[in-house]
Protein backbone atom coordinates (compact mmCIF):
# COMPACT_ATOMS: atom_id res chain seq x y z
CA MET A 1 64.98 77.84 -18.72
CA ILE A 2 62.44 76.94 -21.41
CA LEU A 3 63.01 78.24 -24.94
CA PHE A 4 61.06 77.87 -28.16
CA PRO A 5 63.37 77.75 -31.23
CA PRO A 6 61.29 78.82 -34.24
CA ALA A 7 61.16 77.62 -37.82
CA LYS A 8 61.98 79.99 -40.66
CA ILE A 9 60.90 80.41 -44.24
CA ASN A 10 62.93 81.76 -47.14
CA LEU A 11 61.36 84.55 -49.14
CA GLY A 12 63.26 83.99 -52.37
CA LEU A 13 66.49 82.01 -52.63
CA LYS A 14 68.99 82.59 -55.41
CA VAL A 15 72.06 80.36 -55.71
CA LEU A 16 74.64 82.45 -57.54
CA LYS A 17 77.82 80.36 -57.69
CA LYS A 18 80.01 77.87 -55.85
CA ARG A 19 82.62 79.51 -53.67
CA SER A 20 86.28 78.56 -53.35
CA ASP A 21 85.63 77.40 -49.75
CA GLY A 22 83.13 74.79 -50.97
CA TYR A 23 80.03 76.70 -49.89
CA HIS A 24 77.63 78.42 -52.28
CA GLU A 25 76.99 82.13 -52.72
CA ILE A 26 73.31 82.84 -52.11
CA ASP A 27 70.86 85.73 -51.97
CA THR A 28 67.81 85.22 -49.77
CA CYS A 29 65.53 86.69 -47.11
CA MET A 30 64.67 84.73 -43.98
CA MET A 31 61.76 85.22 -41.63
CA ALA A 32 61.01 83.34 -38.41
CA ILE A 33 57.49 81.91 -38.15
CA PRO A 34 55.45 80.79 -35.11
CA LEU A 35 56.21 77.06 -35.36
CA THR A 36 58.69 75.85 -32.75
CA ASP A 37 60.64 73.10 -31.11
CA VAL A 38 60.93 73.17 -27.30
CA LEU A 39 64.26 73.44 -25.52
CA GLU A 40 64.93 73.11 -21.78
CA ILE A 41 68.34 74.07 -20.38
CA ILE A 42 69.33 73.93 -16.70
CA PRO A 43 72.71 73.80 -14.92
CA SER A 44 73.84 70.27 -14.07
CA GLU A 45 76.78 68.52 -12.39
CA THR A 46 77.28 66.42 -15.54
CA PHE A 47 76.42 67.10 -19.15
CA ILE A 48 73.17 65.41 -20.16
CA PHE A 49 71.41 65.68 -23.51
CA LYS A 50 67.91 64.25 -23.86
CA GLN A 51 65.89 64.26 -27.06
CA THR A 52 62.19 63.44 -27.38
CA GLY A 53 59.50 63.97 -30.00
CA ILE A 54 60.48 63.31 -33.61
CA THR A 55 63.38 60.85 -33.69
CA ILE A 56 66.74 62.28 -34.77
CA ASP A 57 69.12 59.73 -36.27
CA GLY A 58 72.84 59.71 -35.50
CA ASP A 59 74.95 59.67 -32.36
CA GLN A 60 74.54 62.28 -29.65
CA GLU A 61 77.76 64.15 -30.39
CA SER A 62 76.64 64.82 -33.97
CA ASN A 63 73.53 66.67 -32.78
CA LEU A 64 73.84 70.42 -33.36
CA CYS A 65 72.60 71.16 -29.83
CA VAL A 66 75.44 69.14 -28.36
CA LYS A 67 77.93 70.76 -30.73
CA ALA A 68 76.63 74.17 -29.64
CA PHE A 69 77.14 73.30 -25.98
CA ARG A 70 80.65 71.96 -26.63
CA ILE A 71 81.81 75.05 -28.50
CA PHE A 72 80.34 77.39 -25.87
CA GLN A 73 81.89 75.46 -22.99
CA GLU A 74 85.29 75.26 -24.67
CA ARG A 75 85.33 78.98 -25.41
CA TYR A 76 83.86 80.36 -22.18
CA ASP A 77 84.57 77.63 -19.59
CA ILE A 78 80.98 77.25 -18.41
CA PRO A 79 79.78 74.44 -16.08
CA ASN A 80 77.81 71.47 -17.41
CA ALA A 81 74.13 71.60 -18.31
CA TYR A 82 71.10 69.39 -18.80
CA ILE A 83 69.59 69.99 -22.24
CA HIS A 84 66.25 68.52 -23.29
CA LEU A 85 65.17 69.01 -26.89
CA ARG A 86 61.56 68.27 -27.75
CA LYS A 87 61.69 67.95 -31.54
CA GLN A 88 58.46 69.02 -33.22
CA LEU A 89 59.58 70.61 -36.50
CA PRO A 90 60.04 68.22 -39.45
CA MET A 91 63.63 67.65 -40.56
CA GLY A 92 65.07 67.99 -44.05
CA ALA A 93 62.21 70.40 -44.57
CA GLY A 94 63.84 73.74 -45.36
CA LEU A 95 62.55 75.18 -42.07
CA GLY A 96 65.92 75.44 -40.33
CA GLY A 97 64.76 73.66 -37.18
CA GLY A 98 68.10 72.07 -36.31
CA SER A 99 69.88 75.38 -36.84
CA ALA A 100 67.37 77.17 -34.62
CA ASP A 101 67.83 74.57 -31.88
CA ALA A 102 71.61 75.02 -31.91
CA SER A 103 71.43 78.82 -31.88
CA TYR A 104 68.94 78.80 -29.02
CA VAL A 105 71.30 76.58 -27.02
CA LEU A 106 73.92 79.33 -27.42
CA LYS A 107 71.40 82.00 -26.41
CA GLY A 108 70.20 79.96 -23.43
CA LEU A 109 73.70 79.23 -22.14
CA ASN A 110 74.59 82.90 -22.48
CA ALA A 111 71.61 83.85 -20.30
CA ILE A 112 71.87 81.06 -17.72
CA PHE A 113 75.58 81.49 -17.07
CA GLU A 114 75.41 85.30 -17.34
CA LYS A 115 78.16 85.67 -19.93
CA SER A 116 76.68 88.88 -21.41
CA LEU A 117 77.83 88.02 -24.91
CA THR A 118 76.64 90.30 -27.67
CA ASP A 119 74.56 89.07 -30.60
CA ASP A 120 77.64 89.47 -32.80
CA GLN A 121 79.66 87.21 -30.51
CA LEU A 122 76.88 84.62 -30.53
CA ARG A 123 76.65 84.83 -34.33
CA ASP A 124 80.38 84.14 -34.61
CA MET A 125 79.91 80.87 -32.72
CA ALA A 126 76.72 80.06 -34.61
CA THR A 127 78.53 80.47 -37.94
CA GLU A 128 80.82 77.58 -36.95
CA LEU A 129 77.77 75.35 -36.52
CA GLY A 130 76.03 75.97 -39.84
CA SER A 131 75.11 78.59 -42.42
CA ASP A 132 71.51 79.03 -41.18
CA CYS A 133 72.44 79.22 -37.49
CA PRO A 134 73.42 82.93 -37.23
CA PHE A 135 70.00 84.01 -38.50
CA PHE A 136 68.30 82.62 -35.38
CA ILE A 137 70.31 84.74 -32.96
CA SER A 138 67.99 87.67 -33.81
CA ASP A 139 64.21 87.72 -34.24
CA ALA A 140 64.39 90.21 -37.13
CA VAL A 141 63.54 89.51 -40.77
CA GLN A 142 66.98 89.37 -42.37
CA LEU A 143 68.56 89.36 -45.81
CA GLY A 144 71.19 86.65 -46.13
CA ARG A 145 74.11 86.89 -48.53
CA GLY A 146 77.47 85.23 -48.97
CA ARG A 147 77.02 81.67 -47.70
CA GLY A 148 73.91 82.96 -45.90
CA THR A 149 75.79 84.27 -42.88
CA GLU A 150 76.17 87.87 -44.07
CA LEU A 151 73.00 89.20 -42.49
CA SER A 152 71.25 92.54 -42.51
CA ASP A 153 67.86 93.45 -41.05
CA PHE A 154 65.09 94.03 -43.57
CA ASP A 155 61.91 95.97 -42.90
CA LEU A 156 59.07 93.66 -43.96
CA ASP A 157 55.63 93.59 -42.35
CA LEU A 158 53.33 90.68 -43.24
CA ASN A 159 51.17 90.97 -40.12
CA ALA A 160 48.00 91.44 -42.17
CA TYR A 161 48.40 88.01 -43.81
CA TYR A 162 48.00 84.32 -43.03
CA LEU A 163 50.66 81.73 -43.72
CA LYS A 164 49.84 78.16 -44.67
CA VAL A 165 52.70 75.69 -44.25
CA ILE A 166 52.65 72.14 -45.69
CA ASN A 167 55.37 69.54 -45.30
CA PRO A 168 54.77 66.37 -47.37
CA GLU A 169 56.95 64.26 -45.05
CA ILE A 170 59.78 64.07 -47.59
CA HIS A 171 63.32 64.54 -46.28
CA VAL A 172 65.46 66.58 -48.68
CA GLY A 173 69.10 66.71 -47.63
CA THR A 174 71.14 69.84 -48.30
CA GLN A 175 73.73 67.90 -50.30
CA GLU A 176 70.99 66.33 -52.41
CA ALA A 177 69.43 69.73 -53.08
CA TYR A 178 72.68 71.40 -54.13
CA ALA A 179 73.61 68.46 -56.39
CA GLY A 180 70.77 69.39 -58.75
CA ILE A 181 71.08 73.16 -58.64
CA SER A 182 71.41 75.39 -61.70
CA PHE A 183 72.97 78.73 -60.84
CA SER A 184 70.64 81.72 -61.06
CA ASP A 185 70.76 83.94 -64.11
CA ASP A 186 67.97 86.16 -62.78
CA SER A 187 69.03 89.80 -62.53
CA ASN A 188 66.36 90.63 -59.92
CA GLY A 189 67.89 90.68 -56.45
CA VAL A 190 65.77 89.35 -53.58
CA GLU A 191 65.82 92.68 -51.74
CA GLU A 192 64.69 94.53 -54.85
CA VAL A 193 61.77 92.16 -55.44
CA LEU A 194 60.62 92.24 -51.82
CA GLN A 195 60.32 96.02 -52.00
CA ARG A 196 57.62 95.61 -54.64
CA PRO A 197 53.95 94.87 -53.87
CA ILE A 198 53.37 91.27 -52.80
CA ALA A 199 51.13 90.79 -55.84
CA ASN A 200 54.30 91.00 -57.99
CA TRP A 201 56.20 88.32 -56.10
CA LYS A 202 54.67 85.35 -57.93
CA GLU A 203 56.47 86.22 -61.16
CA LEU A 204 59.67 87.64 -59.71
CA LEU A 205 60.53 85.98 -56.37
CA LYS A 206 62.13 82.61 -57.10
CA ASN A 207 63.64 79.70 -55.18
CA ASP A 208 66.39 78.22 -57.36
CA PHE A 209 66.06 74.81 -55.69
CA GLU A 210 62.52 74.31 -56.96
CA PRO A 211 63.15 73.06 -60.54
CA SER A 212 65.36 70.11 -59.57
CA ILE A 213 63.45 69.25 -56.39
CA PHE A 214 60.10 69.39 -58.20
CA LYS A 215 61.47 67.08 -60.88
CA ARG A 216 62.65 64.60 -58.26
CA TYR A 217 59.55 64.88 -56.05
CA PRO A 218 56.51 65.92 -58.17
CA VAL A 219 54.21 65.96 -55.12
CA ILE A 220 56.06 69.03 -53.85
CA GLU A 221 55.26 70.95 -57.03
CA GLU A 222 51.66 69.73 -56.82
CA LEU A 223 51.36 71.19 -53.34
CA LYS A 224 52.70 74.55 -54.50
CA ASN A 225 50.12 74.60 -57.30
CA GLN A 226 47.45 73.64 -54.78
CA LEU A 227 48.33 76.64 -52.61
CA TYR A 228 47.81 78.95 -55.58
CA ALA A 229 44.55 77.19 -56.43
CA GLU A 230 43.37 77.87 -52.88
CA GLY A 231 44.01 81.60 -53.31
CA ALA A 232 47.58 82.21 -52.14
CA ILE A 233 49.00 85.56 -53.22
CA TYR A 234 52.45 84.02 -53.16
CA ALA A 235 53.62 80.43 -52.71
CA SER A 236 57.08 78.89 -52.60
CA MET A 237 59.24 76.09 -51.34
CA SER A 238 61.25 77.11 -48.28
CA GLY A 239 65.01 76.70 -48.36
CA SER A 240 66.14 73.51 -50.06
CA GLY A 241 62.75 71.86 -49.41
CA SER A 242 60.53 70.04 -48.88
CA THR A 243 58.17 72.43 -47.07
CA LEU A 244 55.81 74.64 -49.09
CA TYR A 245 54.18 77.79 -47.83
CA GLY A 246 51.52 80.13 -49.13
CA ILE A 247 50.74 83.70 -48.09
CA PHE A 248 46.99 84.44 -47.97
CA GLU A 249 44.81 87.47 -47.35
CA GLN A 250 42.00 85.32 -45.96
CA LYS A 251 42.46 82.43 -43.53
CA PRO A 252 42.82 79.20 -45.57
CA GLU A 253 41.56 75.75 -44.60
CA ILE A 254 43.54 72.62 -43.71
CA THR A 255 43.22 70.43 -46.80
CA THR A 256 45.76 67.56 -46.58
CA ASP A 257 46.78 64.78 -44.22
CA TYR A 258 50.38 66.00 -44.20
CA PHE A 259 52.08 68.18 -41.58
CA GLU A 260 50.02 71.28 -42.26
CA LYS A 261 49.61 74.48 -40.22
CA VAL A 262 47.80 77.78 -40.74
CA LEU A 263 49.48 80.68 -38.93
CA GLU A 264 48.76 84.34 -38.33
CA LEU A 265 51.80 86.42 -39.20
């Protein structure tokens, strides 16, 4: 089975407070975009994990794909599998690539071994792997609350627009991003803002990670300003960074030597 775990972008991201469990309370909207890794899963006599493409540091057992397999096998007593991850999405980029890979391992194992688990059951396992993981069980645009795992579908259609994505090849770790956060005092909820015309988003739809990340990495702020200069209706950093995206009415040009893609939504 060949699967294509997608990247996501955050449309607004408010960090409200630190929770008693050590996580943070957030308010965001997540949307999958047509940039993907590639994942192959087939039954095997022994467990084998192979990773190609962009190099992922760390030992094999720390990889989220391997963790996803282990938790699924422990819970549902499935046979072994061969898993090949072709890593194409930049890491530490706010695109959720590692989370998508892990969730698609769960979805693939469910299909291959005919376990007939519901999306809710898969989300329960995904929650144990990371806060972004449950989002990728469904293809829907979703509001994320709590630690990001309290999900609800949101009706948002951006099919008339183009998306320009730029990653300046800077790795921003989640711990680093949260270390500089200032909790949101904005009374506008993400859902409320997204219900307004997209022309209003520039002033109202905020990512609370931007101020500290921009201060630490000025090039990221420069790229956001560049997107607006090129005609974006709305531009933002995704997640905790470092990827920027802009939403355009007309197809924009490739203008940098960074990881840069123009996508039809």
